[in-house]
Protein backbone atom coordinates (compact mmCIF):
# COMPACT_ATOMS: atom_id res chain seq x y z
CA MET A 1 21.65 -31.77 16.58
CA ARG A 2 18.82 -31.57 14.11
CA LEU A 3 16.24 -31.64 16.91
CA THR A 4 17.72 -28.85 18.22
CA LEU A 5 18.00 -26.47 15.15
CA ALA A 6 14.46 -27.18 13.90
CA SER A 7 13.34 -26.13 17.66
CA VAL A 8 15.38 -22.81 17.20
CA VAL A 9 13.31 -22.38 13.99
CA LEU A 10 10.16 -22.78 15.27
CA PHE A 11 10.63 -20.96 18.12
CA ALA A 12 11.91 -17.82 16.09
CA LEU A 13 8.89 -18.18 13.97
CA ALA A 14 6.45 -18.39 16.34
CA ALA A 15 7.31 -15.12 17.81
CA CYS A 16 6.82 -13.33 14.64
CA GLY A 17 3.47 -11.16 14.94
CA PRO A 18 0.59 -10.97 12.27
CA ALA A 19 0.97 -8.85 9.90
CA ALA A 20 -0.69 -5.22 10.31
CA ASP A 21 -4.10 -4.84 9.09
CA PRO A 22 -3.41 -2.16 6.58
CA GLY A 23 -7.05 -0.63 6.98
CA GLY A 24 -6.64 -0.12 10.54
CA ALA A 25 -9.49 0.20 12.81
CA GLY A 26 -12.77 1.77 11.70
CA ALA A 27 -10.93 2.31 8.49
CA GLN A 28 -12.81 1.42 5.04
CA THR A 29 -11.82 0.27 2.04
CA GLY A 30 -12.71 1.52 -1.72
CA SER A 31 -12.29 5.13 -3.28
CA PRO A 32 -14.51 7.42 -2.27
CA ALA A 33 -18.07 7.52 -4.16
CA GLN A 34 -18.03 11.32 -5.45
CA ALA A 35 -14.49 10.01 -7.37
CA ALA A 36 -15.15 9.48 -10.96
CA ALA A 37 -13.27 7.02 -12.96
CA LEU A 38 -10.38 8.19 -15.21
CA GLY A 39 -10.70 7.79 -19.36
CA ASP A 40 -8.14 6.43 -21.07
CA GLY A 41 -6.50 9.54 -22.27
CA GLU A 42 -6.48 10.83 -18.66
CA ARG A 43 -4.92 7.35 -17.63
CA ALA A 44 -2.13 7.67 -20.29
CA ALA A 45 -1.30 11.30 -19.09
CA LEU A 46 -1.20 10.51 -15.58
CA LEU A 47 1.23 7.59 -16.37
CA ALA A 48 3.81 10.05 -19.06
CA SER A 49 3.52 12.55 -16.04
CA GLN A 50 5.71 9.75 -13.86
CA ASN A 51 7.64 8.93 -17.22
CA LEU A 52 5.45 5.61 -17.25
CA ARG A 53 4.40 4.38 -20.88
CA ALA A 54 1.94 1.22 -20.78
CA ASP A 55 2.55 -1.74 -23.37
CA ALA A 56 -0.08 -3.04 -25.54
CA GLY A 57 -1.10 -5.27 -22.61
CA GLY A 58 -0.96 -2.10 -19.97
CA LEU A 59 1.83 -3.33 -18.61
CA VAL A 60 4.21 -0.90 -17.44
CA GLU A 61 7.66 -1.77 -15.81
CA ASN A 62 8.08 -0.83 -12.08
CA GLU A 63 11.46 0.26 -10.44
CA CYS A 64 12.63 -3.33 -9.88
CA GLY A 65 12.47 -3.75 -13.97
CA GLU A 66 9.49 -6.15 -13.82
CA LYS A 67 6.56 -5.31 -15.67
CA VAL A 68 3.52 -5.10 -13.73
CA THR A 69 -0.03 -3.77 -14.23
CA PRO A 70 -0.60 -0.03 -12.47
CA GLN A 71 -3.87 0.65 -10.86
CA VAL A 72 -4.63 4.20 -11.13
CA ARG A 73 -7.32 4.76 -8.55
CA PRO A 74 -9.51 8.09 -8.48
CA VAL A 75 -9.86 10.04 -4.86
CA GLU A 76 -11.87 12.81 -3.93
CA LEU A 77 -9.97 15.26 -2.23
CA GLY A 78 -12.30 18.23 -2.01
CA GLY A 79 -11.49 21.91 -1.99
CA ALA A 80 -8.53 23.44 -4.20
CA VAL A 81 -7.92 19.95 -4.78
CA GLY A 82 -10.86 18.14 -5.78
CA SER A 83 -10.80 15.09 -7.60
CA ALA A 84 -7.22 13.69 -7.74
CA ALA A 85 -5.96 10.28 -8.58
CA LEU A 86 -3.66 7.54 -6.92
CA LEU A 87 -1.24 5.75 -9.05
CA VAL A 88 -0.52 2.12 -7.11
CA MET A 89 2.76 0.19 -8.05
CA GLU A 90 3.30 -3.22 -6.67
CA GLY A 91 6.37 -5.72 -7.33
CA GLY A 92 6.01 -8.29 -9.77
CA PRO A 93 6.33 -12.02 -9.40
CA ASN A 94 10.12 -12.43 -8.73
CA THR A 95 10.27 -9.12 -6.15
CA ALA A 96 6.80 -9.13 -4.47
CA ALA A 97 8.40 -6.53 -2.09
CA CYS A 98 9.70 -4.33 -4.29
CA TYR A 99 8.26 -1.07 -2.71
CA GLY A 100 8.63 -2.70 0.76
CA ASP A 101 5.64 -4.30 3.15
CA GLY A 102 3.52 -2.45 0.67
CA PRO A 103 2.93 -1.05 -2.59
CA GLY A 104 4.37 2.41 -4.11
CA LEU A 105 1.74 4.77 -3.89
CA THR A 106 1.95 8.48 -5.99
CA LEU A 107 -1.17 10.98 -5.33
CA LEU A 108 -2.03 13.41 -8.33
CA ARG A 109 -3.66 16.25 -9.04
CA ARG A 110 -4.76 17.56 -12.28
CA ASP A 111 -2.13 20.14 -13.70
CA GLY A 112 -3.86 21.34 -16.85
CA ALA A 113 -3.57 18.77 -19.52
CA SER A 114 -1.20 16.90 -17.26
CA TRP A 115 -1.02 15.32 -13.65
CA ARG A 116 1.21 16.82 -11.08
CA ALA A 117 2.39 14.29 -7.49
CA ILE A 118 1.24 15.82 -4.11
CA TYR A 119 2.45 13.17 -2.49
CA SER A 120 4.47 9.58 -2.55
CA SER A 121 5.27 6.75 -0.14
CA ARG A 122 6.31 3.33 -0.42
CA GLY A 123 5.72 0.41 1.61
CA GLY A 124 2.12 1.11 3.03
CA TYR A 125 -1.39 2.57 2.42
CA LEU A 126 -2.97 5.52 1.60
CA ALA A 127 -5.50 6.59 4.50
CA VAL A 128 -7.73 9.56 3.64
CA LEU A 129 -9.69 10.97 6.65
CA ALA A 130 -12.75 12.70 7.70
CA SER A 131 -10.53 15.62 8.77
CA GLN A 132 -9.57 18.61 6.44
CA THR A 133 -6.91 21.76 6.40
CA SER A 134 -7.48 24.66 4.35
CA GLY A 135 -10.80 22.24 3.15
CA VAL A 136 -9.01 19.50 1.67
CA ARG A 137 -8.94 16.16 3.10
CA ASP A 138 -5.88 15.22 5.21
CA ILE A 139 -4.23 11.90 4.78
CA ALA A 140 -2.16 9.43 6.66
CA PHE A 141 0.58 6.78 6.00
CA ALA A 142 -1.42 3.66 6.73
CA GLY A 143 1.36 1.21 7.71
CA PRO A 144 2.32 -1.53 10.47
CA GLY A 145 1.62 -0.10 14.09
CA PHE A 146 -0.57 1.80 16.30
CA GLU A 147 0.30 5.24 15.33
CA HIS A 148 0.06 7.05 11.72
CA PRO A 149 1.68 9.60 10.72
CA LEU A 150 -0.47 12.50 9.29
CA TRP A 151 -0.44 14.77 6.00
CA VAL A 152 -1.83 17.79 5.29
CA TRP A 153 -2.57 20.50 2.81
CA ASN A 154 -0.47 23.12 2.45
CA GLY A 155 -1.80 25.01 -0.56
CA SER A 156 0.32 23.36 -2.95
CA GLU A 157 1.08 19.59 -1.59
CA TYR A 158 0.78 17.15 1.23
CA ALA A 159 3.44 18.10 4.19
CA PRO A 160 3.96 16.27 7.32
CA ALA A 161 2.14 17.35 10.30
CA ASN A 162 5.19 16.46 12.27
CA ARG A 163 2.48 14.14 14.42
CA SER A 164 0.79 10.71 14.07
CA ILE A 165 -2.77 9.62 14.62
CA SER A 166 -3.95 6.50 16.77
CA ASP A 167 -6.04 3.34 15.25
CA ALA A 168 -9.05 5.17 16.87
CA GLN A 169 -8.46 8.59 15.05
CA MET A 170 -8.48 6.46 11.87
CA ALA A 171 -12.35 5.76 11.97
CA GLY A 172 -14.17 6.52 8.93
CA ALA A 173 -11.04 6.69 6.97
CA THR A 174 -11.02 5.41 3.29
CA THR A 175 -7.99 3.32 2.75
CA LEU A 176 -6.39 2.67 -0.64
CA PRO A 177 -5.80 0.62 -2.64
CA ASP A 178 -8.21 -2.21 -1.73
CA SER A 179 -8.21 -4.29 -4.94
CA ALA A 180 -7.88 -7.72 -4.95
CA SER A 181 -4.58 -8.04 -6.47
CA SER A 182 -3.29 -6.07 -3.56
CA ARG A 183 -5.24 -7.61 -0.98
CA ALA A 184 -3.49 -11.11 -2.61
CA ARG A 185 0.02 -9.59 -2.34
CA SER A 186 -0.49 -8.71 1.46
CA SER A 187 -1.92 -11.91 2.08
CA LYS A 188 1.26 -13.56 0.29
CA ARG A 189 3.52 -12.09 2.25
CA ALA A 190 1.72 -12.71 5.45
CA ASP A 191 1.37 -16.02 4.95
CA ALA A 192 5.48 -16.25 4.43
CA PRO A 193 6.08 -16.98 8.23
CA VAL A 194 3.21 -19.74 8.00
CA ARG A 195 4.93 -21.59 5.25
CA LEU A 196 8.33 -21.40 7.02
CA LEU A 197 6.48 -22.45 9.96
CA LYS A 198 5.12 -25.51 8.14
CA ALA A 199 8.59 -26.41 6.60
CA ALA A 200 9.71 -26.01 10.16
CA THR A 201 7.47 -28.44 11.78
CA MET A 202 7.46 -30.92 8.81
CA THR A 203 11.86 -30.79 9.77
CA LEU A 204 11.21 -31.34 13.21
CA VAL A 205 8.73 -34.62 12.91
CA SER A 206 11.30 -35.69 10.82
CA SER A 207 14.35 -35.18 12.77
CA THR A 208 12.29 -36.42 15.96
CA ARG A 209 11.46 -39.85 14.22
CA ARG A 210 15.13 -40.11 13.38
CA ILE A 211 15.94 -39.90 16.86
């Protein structure tokens, strides 16, 4: 019976495909060169606009109640928006998948001395495309699969375009975030089936030796 159960586990894990590359085909990583980094005051104002306050160590509490280091990435969107900022919230050590298969993202633009959210998502990445609507760059939710929902500027915020774009249409896009920590967390989630597969293999070997 031990041999049969181990074989079933092996088969199920082997059937799991690898995690999708958040960058997609032809995608670049990193924020556009034109976008300037935010100063400490701007960063604090941005966090405050989302009801977040960093402690002395720069940590904030994510929605799963764990302290994490927020990323604030400058993004150049052009047109009426100009320089925006992407707030990246990730899971903590006990809840790596707090926001799903990727981080929680909030794209914000300046609103006087504060900031206003113009797009948010969870469980995926942000692709800033070369195409534009009303002079502002289009964006896409870069998640698993070969089709990615397109969002366009409507004069006030990003709204669904009610259509998707393919990996091929993502050529030249800038995918955010691209930090080492985000890649490491994604790698850990992607490696989980591999670790389980190795454990199942050890169980199978052990069971075979007992027969």
